[in-house]
Amino acid sequence: MTDKNGVGVTVLSHDSENRMLVNINGYGPSGSYVQNVNYLGASISSVAHLVDISSHCEQFIKYECLDSALLYMGNPDGWWISREGEAMTYWGGATSADS
């Protein structure tokens, strides 16, 4: 537990924090790459409870890829899966299309 401008902050680490090479052979079909994120020292139910009781929550993903797209001609070409198992296609702090 640390603080950010006097507010308590809990930071959870996971097993996917290092840079990784995803596909060295060029384009793959949508959904062909999957990266599961496992939090260290906490079950997913513990993480969900922490999120539920927190007044503010944020998660950071850094995506670096040459000549790739998460959105192609208005259609999502990449997504992440929510803890409820739903495909989410918004990125970078944007709101969901359903919001």
Protein backbone atom coordinates (compact mmCIF):
# COMPACT_ATOMS: atom_id res chain seq x y z
CA MET A 1 0.00 0.00 0.00
CA THR A 2 1.38 3.39 -0.99
CA ASP A 3 -0.17 6.79 -1.44
CA LYS A 4 -0.76 9.10 -4.39
CA ASN A 5 -1.43 12.69 -3.36
CA GLY A 6 -2.45 11.51 0.11
CA VAL A 7 -4.86 8.84 -1.15
CA GLY A 8 -4.15 5.18 -0.37
CA VAL A 9 -3.16 3.13 -3.41
CA THR A 10 -3.01 -0.65 -3.72
CA VAL A 11 -0.90 -1.94 -6.61
CA LEU A 12 -1.35 -5.49 -7.86
CA SER A 13 1.37 -7.06 -10.00
CA HIS A 14 0.80 -9.72 -12.63
CA ASP A 15 2.76 -12.17 -14.76
CA SER A 16 2.53 -10.17 -18.01
CA GLU A 17 4.37 -6.96 -17.09
CA ASN A 18 7.40 -7.51 -19.33
CA ARG A 19 7.52 -6.69 -23.03
CA MET A 20 6.75 -9.73 -25.19
CA LEU A 21 6.96 -10.66 -28.84
CA VAL A 22 3.52 -11.72 -30.05
CA ASN A 23 3.71 -12.76 -33.71
CA ILE A 24 6.90 -12.78 -35.76
CA ASN A 25 5.20 -14.18 -38.89
CA GLY A 26 3.03 -11.20 -39.74
CA TYR A 27 -0.75 -10.94 -39.65
CA GLY A 28 -2.85 -13.50 -37.83
CA PRO A 29 -6.63 -13.70 -37.86
CA SER A 30 -8.61 -11.71 -35.28
CA GLY A 31 -8.43 -13.42 -31.89
CA SER A 32 -5.50 -15.63 -32.90
CA TYR A 33 -3.33 -14.36 -30.04
CA VAL A 34 -4.39 -14.84 -26.42
CA GLN A 35 -2.49 -13.61 -23.36
CA ASN A 36 -3.94 -14.58 -19.99
CA VAL A 37 -3.05 -12.23 -17.14
CA ASN A 38 -2.58 -13.80 -13.72
CA TYR A 39 -2.35 -11.49 -10.72
CA LEU A 40 0.37 -12.35 -8.23
CA GLY A 41 -0.63 -13.09 -4.64
CA ALA A 42 -4.37 -12.57 -5.21
CA SER A 43 -7.16 -14.67 -6.65
CA ILE A 44 -9.44 -13.19 -9.29
CA SER A 45 -12.25 -13.11 -6.70
CA SER A 46 -10.00 -11.09 -4.36
CA VAL A 47 -9.14 -8.69 -7.18
CA ALA A 48 -12.84 -8.36 -8.07
CA HIS A 49 -13.71 -7.62 -4.43
CA LEU A 50 -10.96 -4.98 -4.20
CA VAL A 51 -12.30 -3.32 -7.37
CA ASP A 52 -15.87 -3.44 -6.07
CA ILE A 53 -15.04 -1.71 -2.77
CA SER A 54 -12.67 0.87 -4.25
CA SER A 55 -13.79 4.42 -5.05
CA HIS A 56 -11.42 4.55 -8.04
CA CYS A 57 -9.75 1.83 -10.09
CA GLU A 58 -7.46 1.94 -13.10
CA GLN A 59 -5.54 -0.57 -15.15
CA PHE A 60 -2.73 0.16 -17.56
CA ILE A 61 -1.95 -1.69 -20.78
CA LYS A 62 0.86 -0.65 -23.09
CA TYR A 63 0.53 -1.79 -26.69
CA GLU A 64 3.51 -1.33 -29.00
CA CYS A 65 3.26 -2.79 -32.44
CA LEU A 66 4.51 -1.68 -35.83
CA ASP A 67 1.86 -1.47 -38.55
CA SER A 68 -0.88 -3.15 -36.55
CA ALA A 69 -4.39 -2.08 -35.68
CA LEU A 70 -6.81 -2.78 -32.87
CA LEU A 71 -9.55 -1.32 -35.04
CA TYR A 72 -9.69 -2.03 -38.79
CA MET A 73 -12.17 -0.16 -40.99
CA GLY A 74 -14.47 0.43 -38.01
CA ASN A 75 -14.38 -3.19 -36.85
CA PRO A 76 -12.48 -4.37 -33.76
CA ASP A 77 -9.48 -6.53 -34.60
CA GLY A 78 -8.44 -6.93 -30.98
CA TRP A 79 -10.21 -7.02 -27.63
CA TRP A 80 -9.81 -7.88 -23.99
CA ILE A 81 -12.12 -10.03 -21.90
CA SER A 82 -13.82 -8.55 -18.81
CA ARG A 83 -14.04 -10.46 -15.55
CA GLU A 84 -17.65 -11.25 -16.56
CA GLY A 85 -16.33 -12.93 -19.73
CA GLU A 86 -17.43 -10.20 -22.16
CA ALA A 87 -15.30 -9.07 -25.11
CA MET A 88 -14.41 -5.38 -24.62
CA THR A 89 -13.26 -3.35 -27.63
CA TYR A 90 -12.46 0.03 -26.07
CA TRP A 91 -8.90 1.09 -25.22
CA GLY A 92 -6.94 3.96 -23.72
CA GLY A 93 -9.46 5.21 -21.18
CA ALA A 94 -12.23 5.50 -23.76
CA THR A 95 -15.71 4.52 -22.74
CA SER A 96 -17.43 1.43 -24.01
CA ALA A 97 -19.57 1.74 -27.14
CA ASP A 98 -22.41 0.49 -24.93
CA SER A 99 -22.02 3.39 -22.45
